[in-house]
Amino acid sequence: MEQRFCKKCLLKDISRDEYFKNVYEYIENLDEDIKAEDMLYKERLTICKQCDNLANGMCRICGCFVEMRAAIKKNYCPNNEKKW
């Protein structure tokens, strides 16, 4: 049975552990045809970790969770000077 993700919960309604579990399950369960290869994903996160716009796992430019954004191969850095 395919696991479904809650689309109607607010972050404040989810325990911290459950929230992080959901994020990583989402990334894990992405279709392979849209998912970035592991090496590319790790390169992107390395770049993000060095960026001044990273705050608590979120991009201060666009508000995304960088781990989720980096996991999809067609995505790109939202900075005017694209870093990846």
PDB file of N, CA and C in Angstrom:
ATOM      1  N   MET A   1       0.834  -1.178   0.000  1.00  0.00           N
ATOM      2  CA  MET A   1       0.000   0.000   0.000  1.00  0.00           C
ATOM      3  C   MET A   1       0.881   1.244   0.000  1.00  0.00           C
ATOM      4  N   GLU A   2       0.604   2.167  -0.892  1.00  0.00           N
ATOM      5  CA  GLU A   2       1.366   3.398  -0.998  1.00  0.00           C
ATOM      6  C   GLU A   2       1.086   4.305   0.195  1.00  0.00           C
ATOM      7  N   GLN A   3       2.161   4.866   0.752  1.00  0.00           N
ATOM      8  CA  GLN A   3       1.985   5.780   1.887  1.00  0.00           C
ATOM      9  C   GLN A   3       1.594   7.159   1.371  1.00  0.00           C
ATOM     10  N   ARG A   4       0.639   7.771   2.041  1.00  0.00           N
ATOM     11  CA  ARG A   4       0.202   9.106   1.667  1.00  0.00           C
ATOM     12  C   ARG A   4       0.759  10.107   2.661  1.00  0.00           C
ATOM     13  N   PHE A   5       0.957  11.313   2.188  1.00  0.00           N
ATOM     14  CA  PHE A   5       1.467  12.379   3.026  1.00  0.00           C
ATOM     15  C   PHE A   5       0.346  13.347   3.331  1.00  0.00           C
ATOM     16  N   CYS A   6       0.322  13.821   4.544  1.00  0.00           N
ATOM     17  CA  CYS A   6      -0.717  14.751   4.963  1.00  0.00           C
ATOM     18  C   CYS A   6      -0.542  16.074   4.235  1.00  0.00           C
ATOM     19  N   LYS A   7      -1.567  16.510   3.555  1.00  0.00           N
ATOM     20  CA  LYS A   7      -1.522  17.772   2.823  1.00  0.00           C
ATOM     21  C   LYS A   7      -2.277  18.862   3.559  1.00  0.00           C
ATOM     22  N   LYS A   8      -2.878  18.530   4.674  1.00  0.00           N
ATOM     23  CA  LYS A   8      -3.713  19.499   5.365  1.00  0.00           C
ATOM     24  C   LYS A   8      -3.245  19.773   6.784  1.00  0.00           C
ATOM     25  N   CYS A   9      -2.005  19.420   7.097  1.00  0.00           N
ATOM     26  CA  CYS A   9      -1.478  19.664   8.430  1.00  0.00           C
ATOM     27  C   CYS A   9      -0.605  20.913   8.417  1.00  0.00           C
ATOM     28  N   LEU A  10      -0.627  21.630   9.510  1.00  0.00           N
ATOM     29  CA  LEU A  10       0.298  22.731   9.703  1.00  0.00           C
ATOM     30  C   LEU A  10       1.500  22.198  10.457  1.00  0.00           C
ATOM     31  N   LEU A  11       2.646  22.825  10.264  1.00  0.00           N
ATOM     32  CA  LEU A  11       3.845  22.356  10.952  1.00  0.00           C
ATOM     33  C   LEU A  11       3.658  22.312  12.456  1.00  0.00           C
ATOM     34  N   LYS A  12       2.937  23.286  12.995  1.00  0.00           N
ATOM     35  CA  LYS A  12       2.743  23.332  14.450  1.00  0.00           C
ATOM     36  C   LYS A  12       1.924  22.155  14.966  1.00  0.00           C
ATOM     37  N   ASP A  13       1.208  21.462  14.071  1.00  0.00           N
ATOM     38  CA  ASP A  13       0.373  20.337  14.462  1.00  0.00           C
ATOM     39  C   ASP A  13       1.104  19.000  14.388  1.00  0.00           C
ATOM     40  N   ILE A  14       2.323  19.005  13.888  1.00  0.00           N
ATOM     41  CA  ILE A  14       3.084  17.775  13.702  1.00  0.00           C
ATOM     42  C   ILE A  14       4.263  17.787  14.666  1.00  0.00           C
ATOM     43  N   SER A  15       4.514  16.659  15.297  1.00  0.00           N
ATOM     44  CA  SER A  15       5.689  16.594  16.177  1.00  0.00           C
ATOM     45  C   SER A  15       6.948  16.763  15.336  1.00  0.00           C
ATOM     46  N   ARG A  16       7.983  17.283  15.951  1.00  0.00           N
ATOM     47  CA  ARG A  16       9.240  17.540  15.233  1.00  0.00           C
ATOM     48  C   ARG A  16       9.783  16.262  14.596  1.00  0.00           C
ATOM     49  N   ASP A  17       9.775  15.162  15.339  1.00  0.00           N
ATOM     50  CA  ASP A  17      10.287  13.897  14.808  1.00  0.00           C
ATOM     51  C   ASP A  17       9.453  13.419  13.626  1.00  0.00           C
ATOM     52  N   GLU A  18       8.146  13.523  13.744  1.00  0.00           N
ATOM     53  CA  GLU A  18       7.254  13.093  12.665  1.00  0.00           C
ATOM     54  C   GLU A  18       7.434  13.964  11.424  1.00  0.00           C
ATOM     55  N   TYR A  19       7.634  15.239  11.658  1.00  0.00           N
ATOM     56  CA  TYR A  19       7.828  16.170  10.546  1.00  0.00           C
ATOM     57  C   TYR A  19       9.065  15.791   9.748  1.00  0.00           C
ATOM     58  N   PHE A  20      10.199  15.605  10.427  1.00  0.00           N
ATOM     59  CA  PHE A  20      11.429  15.249   9.714  1.00  0.00           C
ATOM     60  C   PHE A  20      11.301  13.888   9.048  1.00  0.00           C
ATOM     61  N   LYS A  21      10.618  12.979   9.688  1.00  0.00           N
ATOM     62  CA  LYS A  21      10.381  11.665   9.082  1.00  0.00           C
ATOM     63  C   LYS A  21       9.604  11.832   7.776  1.00  0.00           C
ATOM     64  N   ASN A  22       8.583  12.682   7.785  1.00  0.00           N
ATOM     65  CA  ASN A  22       7.786  12.918   6.574  1.00  0.00           C
ATOM     66  C   ASN A  22       8.620  13.524   5.454  1.00  0.00           C
ATOM     67  N   VAL A  23       9.486  14.472   5.786  1.00  0.00           N
ATOM     68  CA  VAL A  23      10.340  15.111   4.776  1.00  0.00           C
ATOM     69  C   VAL A  23      11.228  14.074   4.114  1.00  0.00           C
ATOM     70  N   TYR A  24      11.894  13.258   4.913  1.00  0.00           N
ATOM     71  CA  TYR A  24      12.817  12.278   4.338  1.00  0.00           C
ATOM     72  C   TYR A  24      12.084  11.147   3.616  1.00  0.00           C
ATOM     73  N   GLU A  25      10.888  10.792   4.065  1.00  0.00           N
ATOM     74  CA  GLU A  25      10.094   9.802   3.334  1.00  0.00           C
ATOM     75  C   GLU A  25       9.648  10.369   1.988  1.00  0.00           C
ATOM     76  N   TYR A  26       9.302  11.643   1.965  1.00  0.00           N
ATOM     77  CA  TYR A  26       8.923  12.294   0.706  1.00  0.00           C
ATOM     78  C   TYR A  26      10.083  12.198  -0.291  1.00  0.00           C
ATOM     79  N   ILE A  27      11.272  12.557   0.157  1.00  0.00           N
ATOM     80  CA  ILE A  27      12.450  12.522  -0.715  1.00  0.00           C
ATOM     81  C   ILE A  27      12.732  11.092  -1.169  1.00  0.00           C
ATOM     82  N   GLU A  28      12.680  10.169  -0.242  1.00  0.00           N
ATOM     83  CA  GLU A  28      12.945   8.766  -0.550  1.00  0.00           C
ATOM     84  C   GLU A  28      11.972   8.207  -1.585  1.00  0.00           C
ATOM     85  N   ASN A  29      10.725   8.658  -1.524  1.00  0.00           N
ATOM     86  CA  ASN A  29       9.683   8.101  -2.377  1.00  0.00           C
ATOM     87  C   ASN A  29       9.439   8.865  -3.672  1.00  0.00           C
ATOM     88  N   LEU A  30      10.311   9.810  -3.993  1.00  0.00           N
ATOM     89  CA  LEU A  30      10.172  10.511  -5.272  1.00  0.00           C
ATOM     90  C   LEU A  30      10.340   9.515  -6.416  1.00  0.00           C
ATOM     91  N   ASP A  31       9.619   9.729  -7.494  1.00  0.00           N
ATOM     92  CA  ASP A  31       9.794   8.887  -8.678  1.00  0.00           C
ATOM     93  C   ASP A  31      11.230   9.033  -9.171  1.00  0.00           C
ATOM     94  N   GLU A  32      11.826   7.934  -9.541  1.00  0.00           N
ATOM     95  CA  GLU A  32      13.226   7.937  -9.975  1.00  0.00           C
ATOM     96  C   GLU A  32      13.460   8.838 -11.186  1.00  0.00           C
ATOM     97  N   ASP A  33      12.448   9.015 -12.027  1.00  0.00           N
ATOM     98  CA  ASP A  33      12.653   9.836 -13.219  1.00  0.00           C
ATOM     99  C   ASP A  33      12.723  11.332 -12.908  1.00  0.00           C
ATOM    100  N   ILE A  34      12.301  11.756 -11.724  1.00  0.00           N
ATOM    101  CA  ILE A  34      12.411  13.173 -11.362  1.00  0.00           C
ATOM    102  C   ILE A  34      13.432  13.416 -10.256  1.00  0.00           C
ATOM    103  N   LYS A  35      13.899  12.359  -9.639  1.00  0.00           N
ATOM    104  CA  LYS A  35      14.799  12.462  -8.494  1.00  0.00           C
ATOM    105  C   LYS A  35      16.243  12.694  -8.948  1.00  0.00           C
ATOM    106  N   ALA A  36      16.914  13.631  -8.276  1.00  0.00           N
ATOM    107  CA  ALA A  36      18.332  13.879  -8.564  1.00  0.00           C
ATOM    108  C   ALA A  36      19.158  12.684  -8.099  1.00  0.00           C
ATOM    109  N   GLU A  37      20.198  12.386  -8.848  1.00  0.00           N
ATOM    110  CA  GLU A  37      21.099  11.308  -8.446  1.00  0.00           C
ATOM    111  C   GLU A  37      21.753  11.700  -7.122  1.00  0.00           C
ATOM    112  N   ASP A  38      22.112  10.705  -6.338  1.00  0.00           N
ATOM    113  CA  ASP A  38      22.635  10.931  -4.995  1.00  0.00           C
ATOM    114  C   ASP A  38      23.825  11.886  -4.986  1.00  0.00           C
ATOM    115  N   MET A  39      24.734  11.731  -5.920  1.00  0.00           N
ATOM    116  CA  MET A  39      25.922  12.583  -5.972  1.00  0.00           C
ATOM    117  C   MET A  39      25.539  14.043  -6.236  1.00  0.00           C
ATOM    118  N   LEU A  40      24.619  14.271  -7.159  1.00  0.00           N
ATOM    119  CA  LEU A  40      24.151  15.620  -7.462  1.00  0.00           C
ATOM    120  C   LEU A  40      23.439  16.219  -6.250  1.00  0.00           C
ATOM    121  N   TYR A  41      22.605  15.423  -5.602  1.00  0.00           N
ATOM    122  CA  TYR A  41      21.888  15.860  -4.405  1.00  0.00           C
ATOM    123  C   TYR A  41      22.870  16.315  -3.325  1.00  0.00           C
ATOM    124  N   LYS A  42      23.884  15.518  -3.074  1.00  0.00           N
ATOM    125  CA  LYS A  42      24.874  15.853  -2.051  1.00  0.00           C
ATOM    126  C   LYS A  42      25.678  17.095  -2.428  1.00  0.00           C
ATOM    127  N   GLU A  43      26.024  17.248  -3.713  1.00  0.00           N
ATOM    128  CA  GLU A  43      26.740  18.444  -4.174  1.00  0.00           C
ATOM    129  C   GLU A  43      25.900  19.694  -3.931  1.00  0.00           C
ATOM    130  N   ARG A  44      24.623  19.612  -4.255  1.00  0.00           N
ATOM    131  CA  ARG A  44      23.728  20.746  -4.057  1.00  0.00           C
ATOM    132  C   ARG A  44      23.647  21.128  -2.581  1.00  0.00           C
ATOM    133  N   LEU A  45      23.500  20.144  -1.722  1.00  0.00           N
ATOM    134  CA  LEU A  45      23.397  20.430  -0.292  1.00  0.00           C
ATOM    135  C   LEU A  45      24.697  21.017   0.252  1.00  0.00           C
ATOM    136  N   THR A  46      25.822  20.573  -0.253  1.00  0.00           N
ATOM    137  CA  THR A  46      27.112  21.128   0.164  1.00  0.00           C
ATOM    138  C   THR A  46      27.178  22.609  -0.185  1.00  0.00           C
ATOM    139  N   ILE A  47      26.705  22.949  -1.369  1.00  0.00           N
ATOM    140  CA  ILE A  47      26.673  24.352  -1.805  1.00  0.00           C
ATOM    141  C   ILE A  47      25.718  25.154  -0.922  1.00  0.00           C
ATOM    142  N   CYS A  48      24.550  24.600  -0.662  1.00  0.00           N
ATOM    143  CA  CYS A  48      23.561  25.291   0.173  1.00  0.00           C
ATOM    144  C   CYS A  48      24.098  25.537   1.588  1.00  0.00           C
ATOM    145  N   LYS A  49      24.820  24.576   2.122  1.00  0.00           N
ATOM    146  CA  LYS A  49      25.339  24.713   3.487  1.00  0.00           C
ATOM    147  C   LYS A  49      26.348  25.855   3.602  1.00  0.00           C
ATOM    148  N   GLN A  50      26.917  26.271   2.492  1.00  0.00           N
ATOM    149  CA  GLN A  50      27.885  27.365   2.496  1.00  0.00           C
ATOM    150  C   GLN A  50      27.226  28.716   2.199  1.00  0.00           C
ATOM    151  N   CYS A  51      25.951  28.695   1.905  1.00  0.00           N
ATOM    152  CA  CYS A  51      25.234  29.904   1.470  1.00  0.00           C
ATOM    153  C   CYS A  51      24.701  30.691   2.675  1.00  0.00           C
ATOM    154  N   ASP A  52      24.845  32.003   2.619  1.00  0.00           N
ATOM    155  CA  ASP A  52      24.326  32.873   3.681  1.00  0.00           C
ATOM    156  C   ASP A  52      22.803  32.897   3.726  1.00  0.00           C
ATOM    157  N   ASN A  53      22.154  32.417   2.682  1.00  0.00           N
ATOM    158  CA  ASN A  53      20.687  32.421   2.626  1.00  0.00           C
ATOM    159  C   ASN A  53      20.058  31.163   3.204  1.00  0.00           C
ATOM    160  N   LEU A  54      20.859  30.253   3.732  1.00  0.00           N
ATOM    161  CA  LEU A  54      20.332  29.053   4.381  1.00  0.00           C
ATOM    162  C   LEU A  54      20.056  29.370   5.842  1.00  0.00           C
ATOM    163  N   ALA A  55      18.831  29.125   6.275  1.00  0.00           N
ATOM    164  CA  ALA A  55      18.456  29.362   7.669  1.00  0.00           C
ATOM    165  C   ALA A  55      17.523  28.252   8.128  1.00  0.00           C
ATOM    166  N   ASN A  56      17.966  27.450   9.063  1.00  0.00           N
ATOM    167  CA  ASN A  56      17.145  26.363   9.621  1.00  0.00           C
ATOM    168  C   ASN A  56      16.602  25.428   8.552  1.00  0.00           C
ATOM    169  N   GLY A  57      17.433  25.109   7.576  1.00  0.00           N
ATOM    170  CA  GLY A  57      17.031  24.177   6.526  1.00  0.00           C
ATOM    171  C   GLY A  57      16.209  24.800   5.413  1.00  0.00           C
ATOM    172  N   MET A  58      15.951  26.106   5.517  1.00  0.00           N
ATOM    173  CA  MET A  58      15.126  26.788   4.513  1.00  0.00           C
ATOM    174  C   MET A  58      15.948  27.829   3.767  1.00  0.00           C
ATOM    175  N   CYS A  59      15.589  28.033   2.532  1.00  0.00           N
ATOM    176  CA  CYS A  59      16.201  29.069   1.717  1.00  0.00           C
ATOM    177  C   CYS A  59      15.498  30.396   2.021  1.00  0.00           C
ATOM    178  N   ARG A  60      16.262  31.397   2.405  1.00  0.00           N
ATOM    179  CA  ARG A  60      15.670  32.691   2.725  1.00  0.00           C
ATOM    180  C   ARG A  60      15.256  33.460   1.470  1.00  0.00           C
ATOM    181  N   ILE A  61      15.669  33.017   0.304  1.00  0.00           N
ATOM    182  CA  ILE A  61      15.275  33.677  -0.938  1.00  0.00           C
ATOM    183  C   ILE A  61      13.859  33.257  -1.335  1.00  0.00           C
ATOM    184  N   CYS A  62      13.613  31.950  -1.350  1.00  0.00           N
ATOM    185  CA  CYS A  62      12.317  31.469  -1.849  1.00  0.00           C
ATOM    186  C   CYS A  62      11.448  30.801  -0.788  1.00  0.00           C
ATOM    187  N   GLY A  63      12.039  30.451   0.355  1.00  0.00           N
ATOM    188  CA  GLY A  63      11.272  29.815   1.424  1.00  0.00           C
ATOM    189  C   GLY A  63      11.166  28.308   1.333  1.00  0.00           C
ATOM    190  N   CYS A  64      11.846  27.708   0.370  1.00  0.00           N
ATOM    191  CA  CYS A  64      11.773  26.250   0.236  1.00  0.00           C
ATOM    192  C   CYS A  64      12.627  25.571   1.294  1.00  0.00           C
ATOM    193  N   PHE A  65      12.358  24.285   1.499  1.00  0.00           N
ATOM    194  CA  PHE A  65      13.243  23.447   2.297  1.00  0.00           C
ATOM    195  C   PHE A  65      14.293  22.932   1.319  1.00  0.00           C
ATOM    196  N   VAL A  66      15.542  23.323   1.527  1.00  0.00           N
ATOM    197  CA  VAL A  66      16.572  23.043   0.525  1.00  0.00           C
ATOM    198  C   VAL A  66      16.754  21.548   0.254  1.00  0.00           C
ATOM    199  N   GLU A  67      16.570  20.711   1.253  1.00  0.00           N
ATOM    200  CA  GLU A  67      16.737  19.282   1.023  1.00  0.00           C
ATOM    201  C   GLU A  67      15.678  18.744   0.065  1.00  0.00           C
ATOM    202  N   MET A  68      14.492  19.306   0.121  1.00  0.00           N
ATOM    203  CA  MET A  68      13.438  18.876  -0.793  1.00  0.00           C
ATOM    204  C   MET A  68      13.676  19.451  -2.191  1.00  0.00           C
ATOM    205  N   ARG A  69      14.080  20.710  -2.260  1.00  0.00           N
ATOM    206  CA  ARG A  69      14.337  21.336  -3.555  1.00  0.00           C
ATOM    207  C   ARG A  69      15.492  20.635  -4.272  1.00  0.00           C
ATOM    208  N   ALA A  70      16.553  20.344  -3.537  1.00  0.00           N
ATOM    209  CA  ALA A  70      17.737  19.730  -4.137  1.00  0.00           C
ATOM    210  C   ALA A  70      17.482  18.303  -4.608  1.00  0.00           C
ATOM    211  N   ALA A  71      16.473  17.650  -4.077  1.00  0.00           N
ATOM    212  CA  ALA A  71      16.195  16.249  -4.410  1.00  0.00           C
ATOM    213  C   ALA A  71      15.566  16.069  -5.788  1.00  0.00           C
ATOM    214  N   ILE A  72      15.056  17.139  -6.380  1.00  0.00           N
ATOM    215  CA  ILE A  72      14.403  17.039  -7.687  1.00  0.00           C
ATOM    216  C   ILE A  72      15.343  17.590  -8.748  1.00  0.00           C
ATOM    217  N   LYS A  73      15.709  16.752  -9.702  1.00  0.00           N
ATOM    218  CA  LYS A  73      16.777  17.100 -10.633  1.00  0.00           C
ATOM    219  C   LYS A  73      16.513  18.338 -11.472  1.00  0.00           C
ATOM    220  N   LYS A  74      15.266  18.647 -11.807  1.00  0.00           N
ATOM    221  CA  LYS A  74      14.992  19.807 -12.657  1.00  0.00           C
ATOM    222  C   LYS A  74      15.070  21.132 -11.888  1.00  0.00           C
ATOM    223  N   ASN A  75      15.075  21.064 -10.574  1.00  0.00           N
ATOM    224  CA  ASN A  75      15.121  22.275  -9.758  1.00  0.00           C
ATOM    225  C   ASN A  75      16.488  22.933  -9.834  1.00  0.00           C
ATOM    226  N   TYR A  76      16.530  24.189  -9.441  1.00  0.00           N
ATOM    227  CA  TYR A  76      17.771  24.954  -9.469  1.00  0.00           C
ATOM    228  C   TYR A  76      17.779  25.919  -8.285  1.00  0.00           C
ATOM    229  N   CYS A  77      18.932  26.467  -8.004  1.00  0.00           N
ATOM    230  CA  CYS A  77      19.098  27.441  -6.934  1.00  0.00           C
ATOM    231  C   CYS A  77      18.317  28.710  -7.299  1.00  0.00           C
ATOM    232  N   PRO A  78      17.531  29.261  -6.365  1.00  0.00           N
ATOM    233  CA  PRO A  78      16.728  30.448  -6.674  1.00  0.00           C
ATOM    234  C   PRO A  78      17.509  31.764  -6.628  1.00  0.00           C
ATOM    235  N   ASN A  79      18.776  31.714  -6.254  1.00  0.00           N
ATOM    236  CA  ASN A  79      19.592  32.912  -6.190  1.00  0.00           C
ATOM    237  C   ASN A  79      19.722  33.526  -7.586  1.00  0.00           C
ATOM    238  N   ASN A  80      19.825  34.847  -7.675  1.00  0.00           N
ATOM    239  CA  ASN A  80      20.015  35.503  -8.974  1.00  0.00           C
ATOM    240  C   ASN A  80      21.246  34.947  -9.686  1.00  0.00           C
ATOM    241  N   GLU A  81      22.281  34.689  -8.924  1.00  0.00           N
ATOM    242  CA  GLU A  81      23.481  34.040  -9.457  1.00  0.00           C
ATOM    243  C   GLU A  81      23.403  32.571  -9.094  1.00  0.00           C
ATOM    244  N   LYS A  82      22.718  31.801  -9.887  1.00  0.00           N
ATOM    245  CA  LYS A  82      22.455  30.396  -9.597  1.00  0.00           C
ATOM    246  C   LYS A  82      23.725  29.681  -9.145  1.00  0.00           C
ATOM    247  N   LYS A  83      23.638  29.065  -7.980  1.00  0.00           N
ATOM    248  CA  LYS A  83      24.799  28.356  -7.448  1.00  0.00           C
ATOM    249  C   LYS A  83      24.788  26.898  -7.865  1.00  0.00           C
ATOM    250  N   TRP A  84      23.629  26.396  -8.253  1.00  0.00           N
ATOM    251  CA  TRP A  84      23.484  25.052  -8.816  1.00  0.00           C
ATOM    252  C   TRP A  84      22.251  24.993  -9.680  1.00  0.00           C
TER     253      TRP A  84
END
